[in-house]
Amino acid sequence: MTRTPKGTKRLLFAAGVLALAGRRFLQEPYHFERKTVLITGGSRGLGLAIARELTQYGTNLVLVARTHSQLSRAQADLEARGSKVLSIVADVTQQADIDRAIEQTVATFGGLDVVINVAGIIQTGPIDNITDEEFHQTMAVNAFAPLHLTRAALPYLRARRGRVLIVSSVGGKVAVPHLSSYSMSKFAVTGLGQALRAELAADGVGVTTVLPGLMQTGSPRNAVIKGQHEREYALFATVDNLPLISQSAQSAAQRILSALARNEAEVMIGLPATAMRYAQALAPQLVADLMSLSNRFLPGPSSSNDAKRGQDAESPLTRNNPLKRAAEQEFNRGTEED
């Protein structure tokens, strides 16, 4: 019995790695033309930005959201751009609503090719003011809903060798002070994306997880604000729209769809997000110390655990922010309640 020399083993291993890498780069990109794409949270924000980008491919769009008026506005917008649109009022935390959305999609368009998980909630405030119930609620929307929807869609995705997109966040790699429940849920859904990709590859179903940084989507107005409401919201909404560290929703949507088409495994969206990821990987102690230091400059907890929507915690600073207002007008008109 002869043994393979260590040098030969290393060469074989390196050749295998290069073959896998080359196979991915030589793989033909996925085409969205005439595909049926279901988008949760597709009525506003990043979900709407992604849907608008897909209209150029003649895609059949299925928008899933909780509010009928927002869905109606989004549907009119997208149909004017040439796409066929099905709007479904549904709560992604309810399995019956998820099953109904899949059934309506298949009944209308004859199948399902792509599932894009965008729907999410953000709660910001000191951890002393975030209740256990709010942690569970954030996990239900941001982490368990993508799991339940993807599993419900799997028979149709396998039949068409489709794609799954999971929108996580840079907060799924680097936990940020005053976003404890959000970061917890995004760490979880990032792990879910990795697990789904590994297991579904054998069925020809590609899974891409994207981790965007700050984006100008107008979404802070719908965030749940805890603690010192006006101070928390002023900081959150201002940072979210700083020109040098936040990016437009359109550019983010374009990069996200490019990653999905190329079947990339995990992609940071935006230079600041990429920098934070590598800083965390290379110098975790330093990043932890910087986060602890930054927390000292944030508003302290409140004696009340009352929650407010961002739109109800406005101040002169946020009302007069032109970038914020422009993003709200473009991607977040209306409210959760209208």
Protein backbone atom coordinates (compact mmCIF):
# COMPACT_ATOMS: atom_id res chain seq x y z
CA MET A 1 0.00 0.00 0.00
CA THR A 2 1.49 3.32 -1.09
CA ARG A 3 0.85 6.68 0.51
CA THR A 4 0.25 9.88 -1.38
CA PRO A 5 3.03 12.38 -0.62
CA LYS A 6 2.00 15.43 1.42
CA GLY A 7 3.03 17.77 -1.37
CA THR A 8 0.76 15.96 -3.80
CA LYS A 9 -2.16 16.17 -1.36
CA ARG A 10 -1.66 19.91 -1.03
CA LEU A 11 -1.57 20.30 -4.80
CA LEU A 12 -4.76 18.26 -5.20
CA PHE A 13 -6.48 20.30 -2.51
CA ALA A 14 -5.40 23.58 -4.11
CA ALA A 15 -6.55 22.34 -7.53
CA GLY A 16 -9.94 21.43 -6.08
CA VAL A 17 -10.35 24.87 -4.51
CA LEU A 18 -9.37 26.58 -7.76
CA ALA A 19 -11.76 24.37 -9.72
CA LEU A 20 -14.65 25.32 -7.43
CA ALA A 21 -13.78 29.01 -7.64
CA GLY A 22 -13.42 28.87 -11.40
CA ARG A 23 -16.69 27.03 -11.78
CA ARG A 24 -18.55 29.82 -10.01
CA PHE A 25 -16.94 32.60 -12.03
CA LEU A 26 -17.51 30.76 -15.31
CA GLN A 27 -21.12 29.98 -14.42
CA GLU A 28 -23.62 31.86 -16.57
CA PRO A 29 -25.49 34.52 -14.56
CA TYR A 30 -29.10 33.84 -13.64
CA HIS A 31 -31.55 35.68 -15.89
CA PHE A 32 -34.65 37.40 -14.48
CA GLU A 33 -36.46 37.75 -17.82
CA ARG A 34 -40.06 36.51 -17.56
CA LYS A 35 -39.39 35.00 -14.15
CA THR A 36 -41.91 35.15 -11.28
CA VAL A 37 -40.42 36.88 -8.25
CA LEU A 38 -42.04 37.15 -4.83
CA ILE A 39 -40.82 40.02 -2.64
CA THR A 40 -41.76 40.42 1.02
CA GLY A 41 -41.75 44.02 2.15
CA GLY A 42 -42.08 44.94 -1.52
CA SER A 43 -44.45 47.87 -1.04
CA ARG A 44 -41.82 50.34 0.20
CA GLY A 45 -38.17 50.89 1.08
CA LEU A 46 -35.54 48.54 -0.25
CA GLY A 47 -38.17 46.01 -1.37
CA LEU A 48 -39.76 48.59 -3.66
CA ALA A 49 -36.33 49.65 -4.97
CA ILE A 50 -35.54 46.03 -5.87
CA ALA A 51 -38.96 45.60 -7.52
CA ARG A 52 -38.37 48.71 -9.64
CA GLU A 53 -35.04 47.33 -10.84
CA LEU A 54 -36.74 44.07 -11.83
CA THR A 55 -39.29 45.84 -14.05
CA GLN A 56 -36.64 46.21 -16.76
CA TYR A 57 -36.65 42.42 -17.21
CA GLY A 58 -40.39 42.02 -17.73
CA THR A 59 -40.56 40.12 -14.44
CA ASN A 60 -43.86 38.95 -12.94
CA LEU A 61 -43.79 40.63 -9.52
CA VAL A 62 -45.57 39.43 -6.40
CA LEU A 63 -45.55 41.99 -3.59
CA VAL A 64 -46.29 40.83 -0.05
CA ALA A 65 -46.87 43.39 2.70
CA ARG A 66 -49.27 44.15 5.55
CA THR A 67 -50.81 47.42 4.36
CA HIS A 68 -53.26 47.54 1.46
CA SER A 69 -52.82 51.24 0.67
CA GLN A 70 -49.04 50.94 0.40
CA LEU A 71 -49.38 47.86 -1.80
CA SER A 72 -51.80 49.71 -4.08
CA ARG A 73 -49.37 52.61 -4.51
CA ALA A 74 -46.47 50.26 -5.22
CA GLN A 75 -48.51 48.19 -7.69
CA ALA A 76 -49.53 51.28 -9.66
CA ASP A 77 -45.90 52.45 -9.73
CA LEU A 78 -44.59 49.12 -11.00
CA GLU A 79 -47.35 48.49 -13.52
CA ALA A 80 -46.62 51.91 -15.02
CA ARG A 81 -43.08 50.60 -15.59
CA GLY A 82 -44.39 47.62 -17.56
CA SER A 83 -44.51 44.71 -15.09
CA LYS A 84 -47.35 42.39 -14.22
CA VAL A 85 -47.95 42.76 -10.49
CA LEU A 86 -49.85 40.70 -7.94
CA SER A 87 -50.31 42.34 -4.53
CA ILE A 88 -51.01 40.20 -1.47
CA VAL A 89 -51.88 41.60 1.94
CA ALA A 90 -50.23 39.21 4.39
CA ASP A 91 -48.39 39.01 7.70
CA VAL A 92 -45.13 37.09 7.18
CA THR A 93 -45.17 35.92 10.80
CA GLN A 94 -48.34 33.90 10.12
CA GLN A 95 -47.86 30.54 8.41
CA ALA A 96 -51.40 30.61 6.98
CA ASP A 97 -50.67 33.95 5.29
CA ILE A 98 -47.39 32.62 3.89
CA ASP A 99 -49.09 29.53 2.47
CA ARG A 100 -51.84 31.67 0.95
CA ALA A 101 -49.29 33.97 -0.69
CA ILE A 102 -47.52 31.00 -2.30
CA GLU A 103 -50.80 29.51 -3.47
CA GLN A 104 -51.98 32.79 -5.01
CA THR A 105 -48.65 33.27 -6.75
CA VAL A 106 -48.70 29.82 -8.34
CA ALA A 107 -52.38 30.13 -9.28
CA THR A 108 -51.76 33.48 -10.98
CA PHE A 109 -48.42 32.92 -12.71
CA GLY A 110 -48.14 29.12 -12.89
CA GLY A 111 -45.09 28.79 -10.66
CA LEU A 112 -42.45 30.61 -8.66
CA ASP A 113 -38.80 31.24 -9.55
CA VAL A 114 -37.35 33.61 -6.98
CA VAL A 115 -38.11 34.48 -3.35
CA ILE A 116 -36.70 37.76 -2.04
CA ASN A 117 -36.90 38.18 1.75
CA VAL A 118 -36.80 41.90 2.53
CA ALA A 119 -39.55 42.44 5.12
CA GLY A 120 -38.12 43.47 8.45
CA ILE A 121 -38.54 45.69 11.48
CA ILE A 122 -36.03 47.87 13.29
CA GLN A 123 -36.22 48.71 16.99
CA THR A 124 -33.72 51.24 18.26
CA GLY A 125 -33.04 52.27 21.84
CA PRO A 126 -31.08 51.28 24.96
CA ILE A 127 -31.28 47.60 25.83
CA ASP A 128 -32.87 48.54 29.17
CA ASN A 129 -35.91 49.76 27.22
CA ILE A 130 -36.22 46.82 24.79
CA THR A 131 -38.57 44.20 26.23
CA ASP A 132 -38.31 40.44 25.82
CA GLU A 133 -41.53 40.55 23.81
CA GLU A 134 -39.92 43.01 21.39
CA PHE A 135 -36.89 40.75 20.98
CA HIS A 136 -39.24 37.89 20.08
CA GLN A 137 -41.20 40.09 17.67
CA THR A 138 -38.05 41.18 15.85
CA MET A 139 -36.85 37.58 15.59
CA ALA A 140 -40.23 36.49 14.24
CA VAL A 141 -40.17 39.01 11.38
CA ASN A 142 -36.46 39.25 10.57
CA ALA A 143 -35.33 35.65 11.09
CA PHE A 144 -38.18 33.14 11.29
CA ALA A 145 -40.29 34.64 8.48
CA PRO A 146 -37.57 34.07 5.83
CA LEU A 147 -37.20 30.49 7.09
CA HIS A 148 -40.93 29.77 6.92
CA LEU A 149 -41.42 31.43 3.53
CA THR A 150 -38.44 29.72 1.93
CA ARG A 151 -39.53 26.31 3.20
CA ALA A 152 -43.07 26.86 1.91
CA ALA A 153 -41.73 27.87 -1.52
CA LEU A 154 -39.19 25.05 -1.84
CA PRO A 155 -41.25 22.63 -3.98
CA TYR A 156 -41.67 25.34 -6.64
CA LEU A 157 -38.09 26.63 -6.36
CA ARG A 158 -36.71 23.11 -6.75
CA ALA A 159 -38.90 22.52 -9.81
CA ARG A 160 -37.45 25.58 -11.55
CA ARG A 161 -33.96 25.57 -10.00
CA GLY A 162 -34.77 28.96 -8.60
CA ARG A 163 -33.13 31.49 -6.32
CA VAL A 164 -33.53 32.74 -2.75
CA LEU A 165 -32.37 36.14 -1.55
CA ILE A 166 -32.06 36.91 2.15
CA VAL A 167 -31.56 40.55 3.10
CA SER A 168 -29.60 40.69 6.32
CA SER A 169 -27.54 43.72 7.41
CA VAL A 170 -24.05 44.78 8.39
CA GLY A 171 -25.67 44.46 11.83
CA GLY A 172 -25.59 40.72 11.17
CA LYS A 173 -21.78 40.82 11.34
CA VAL A 174 -21.10 43.72 13.73
CA ALA A 175 -23.50 44.36 16.61
CA VAL A 176 -24.21 48.07 17.02
CA PRO A 177 -25.26 49.75 20.31
CA HIS A 178 -28.97 50.57 20.61
CA LEU A 179 -29.80 48.02 17.90
CA SER A 180 -29.61 44.94 20.11
CA SER A 181 -32.78 43.15 18.99
CA TYR A 182 -32.14 44.04 15.35
CA SER A 183 -28.54 42.80 15.44
CA MET A 184 -29.58 39.57 17.16
CA SER A 185 -32.14 38.84 14.44
CA LYS A 186 -29.72 39.71 11.63
CA PHE A 187 -26.98 37.48 13.03
CA ALA A 188 -29.57 34.69 13.05
CA VAL A 189 -30.79 35.23 9.49
CA THR A 190 -27.19 35.45 8.21
CA GLY A 191 -26.59 31.99 9.65
CA LEU A 192 -29.86 30.80 8.11
CA GLY A 193 -28.68 31.99 4.70
CA GLN A 194 -25.43 30.07 5.03
CA ALA A 195 -27.25 26.90 6.11
CA LEU A 196 -29.84 27.10 3.33
CA ARG A 197 -27.17 27.66 0.69
CA ALA A 198 -25.22 24.60 1.77
CA GLU A 199 -28.26 22.32 1.82
CA LEU A 200 -30.17 23.56 -1.24
CA ALA A 201 -27.23 23.65 -3.66
CA ALA A 202 -27.74 19.96 -4.42
CA ASP A 203 -31.26 20.81 -5.67
CA GLY A 204 -30.00 23.56 -7.96
CA VAL A 205 -31.48 26.29 -5.75
CA GLY A 206 -29.08 29.19 -5.18
CA VAL A 207 -29.20 31.15 -1.92
CA THR A 208 -27.61 34.59 -1.62
CA THR A 209 -27.36 36.57 1.61
CA VAL A 210 -26.72 40.30 1.32
CA LEU A 211 -25.63 42.52 4.19
CA PRO A 212 -26.26 46.19 3.36
CA GLY A 213 -24.96 49.12 5.32
CA LEU A 214 -26.86 52.39 5.66
CA MET A 215 -29.25 53.14 2.79
CA GLN A 216 -31.40 56.12 1.89
CA THR A 217 -34.76 54.31 1.84
CA GLY A 218 -36.77 56.57 4.16
CA SER A 219 -37.33 53.58 6.44
CA PRO A 220 -36.43 55.25 9.79
CA ARG A 221 -39.88 56.87 9.82
CA ASN A 222 -41.33 53.37 10.39
CA ALA A 223 -38.73 52.22 12.93
CA VAL A 224 -39.79 51.52 16.51
CA ILE A 225 -38.12 54.08 18.77
CA LYS A 226 -37.55 53.33 22.46
CA GLY A 227 -35.92 55.32 25.24
CA GLN A 228 -35.57 59.09 24.72
CA HIS A 229 -37.65 59.15 21.56
CA GLU A 230 -36.70 62.42 19.89
CA ARG A 231 -32.98 62.12 20.64
CA GLU A 232 -32.87 58.48 19.54
CA TYR A 233 -34.72 59.19 16.33
CA ALA A 234 -32.70 62.32 15.52
CA LEU A 235 -29.47 60.33 15.73
CA PHE A 236 -30.80 57.29 13.86
CA ALA A 237 -32.47 59.21 11.02
CA THR A 238 -29.52 61.59 10.57
CA VAL A 239 -26.84 58.89 10.41
CA ASP A 240 -29.02 56.85 8.04
CA ASN A 241 -28.90 59.68 5.51
CA LEU A 242 -25.33 60.96 5.76
CA PRO A 243 -24.05 61.29 2.17
CA LEU A 244 -20.59 59.80 2.70
CA ILE A 245 -21.60 56.68 4.64
CA SER A 246 -25.08 55.88 3.27
CA GLN A 247 -25.93 54.92 -0.29
CA SER A 248 -28.94 55.38 -2.49
CA ALA A 249 -31.59 52.69 -2.48
CA GLN A 250 -31.26 52.34 -6.25
CA SER A 251 -27.53 51.59 -6.20
CA ALA A 252 -28.03 49.13 -3.34
CA ALA A 253 -30.81 47.36 -5.24
CA GLN A 254 -28.66 47.08 -8.37
CA ARG A 255 -25.76 45.54 -6.45
CA ILE A 256 -28.10 43.16 -4.64
CA LEU A 257 -29.65 41.85 -7.86
CA SER A 258 -26.19 41.49 -9.39
CA ALA A 259 -25.16 39.31 -6.43
CA LEU A 260 -28.30 37.21 -6.80
CA ALA A 261 -27.79 36.77 -10.55
CA ARG A 262 -24.18 35.65 -10.00
CA ASN A 263 -25.27 33.27 -7.22
CA GLU A 264 -22.85 34.88 -4.77
CA ALA A 265 -22.97 33.36 -1.31
CA GLU A 266 -22.64 36.38 0.97
CA VAL A 267 -22.10 39.99 -0.04
CA MET A 268 -21.59 43.21 1.89
CA ILE A 269 -23.39 46.12 0.22
CA GLY A 270 -21.57 49.43 0.44
CA LEU A 271 -17.97 50.34 1.26
CA PRO A 272 -18.61 51.24 4.94
CA ALA A 273 -20.30 47.88 5.52
CA THR A 274 -17.38 46.07 3.90
CA ALA A 275 -14.89 48.01 6.02
CA MET A 276 -16.79 47.17 9.22
CA ARG A 277 -16.88 43.48 8.34
CA TYR A 278 -13.14 43.25 7.77
CA ALA A 279 -12.37 45.33 10.83
CA GLN A 280 -14.47 42.93 12.92
CA ALA A 281 -12.73 39.91 11.39
CA LEU A 282 -9.21 41.26 11.77
CA ALA A 283 -9.49 43.19 15.04
CA PRO A 284 -12.57 42.07 17.00
CA GLN A 285 -11.27 43.42 20.32
CA LEU A 286 -10.67 46.87 18.82
CA VAL A 287 -14.13 46.97 17.24
CA ALA A 288 -15.72 45.87 20.52
CA ASP A 289 -13.88 48.62 22.38
CA LEU A 290 -14.93 51.23 19.81
CA MET A 291 -18.57 50.12 20.05
CA SER A 292 -18.41 50.35 23.85
CA LEU A 293 -16.92 53.83 23.57
CA SER A 294 -19.55 54.99 21.07
CA ASN A 295 -22.31 53.77 23.38
CA ARG A 296 -21.19 56.30 26.01
CA PHE A 297 -22.22 59.12 23.67
CA LEU A 298 -25.69 57.74 22.92
CA PRO A 299 -28.86 58.81 24.77
CA GLY A 300 -29.42 56.98 28.03
CA PRO A 301 -32.46 54.84 28.87
CA SER A 302 -35.84 56.29 29.72
CA SER A 303 -37.95 55.53 32.78
CA SER A 304 -40.76 54.62 30.38
CA ASN A 305 -40.82 51.68 27.97
CA ASP A 306 -43.28 53.41 25.64
CA ALA A 307 -42.61 52.91 21.94
CA LYS A 308 -43.08 55.45 19.17
CA ARG A 309 -42.84 55.23 15.41
CA GLY A 310 -40.10 57.35 13.95
CA GLN A 311 -42.68 59.54 12.22
CA ASP A 312 -44.10 60.37 15.67
CA ALA A 313 -40.71 61.33 17.12
CA GLU A 314 -39.77 64.03 14.63
CA SER A 315 -37.85 67.13 15.69
CA PRO A 316 -36.70 70.23 13.75
CA LEU A 317 -33.41 68.44 13.01
CA THR A 318 -35.11 65.53 11.26
CA ARG A 319 -37.91 67.50 9.62
CA ASN A 320 -35.40 69.74 7.85
CA ASN A 321 -33.15 66.97 6.50
CA PRO A 322 -33.50 67.15 2.69
CA LEU A 323 -31.96 63.74 1.94
CA LYS A 324 -34.26 62.09 4.48
CA ARG A 325 -37.34 63.79 3.07
CA ALA A 326 -36.42 62.91 -0.51
CA ALA A 327 -35.95 59.23 0.41
CA GLU A 328 -39.28 59.16 2.24
CA GLN A 329 -41.08 60.68 -0.72
CA GLU A 330 -39.48 58.22 -3.13
CA PHE A 331 -39.69 54.97 -1.14
CA ASN A 332 -41.75 55.38 2.04
CA ARG A 333 -44.85 57.43 1.46
CA GLY A 334 -47.68 56.71 3.86
CA THR A 335 -47.58 54.89 7.19
CA GLU A 336 -48.13 51.42 8.58
CA GLU A 337 -51.60 52.48 9.72
CA ASP A 338 -52.96 54.31 6.63
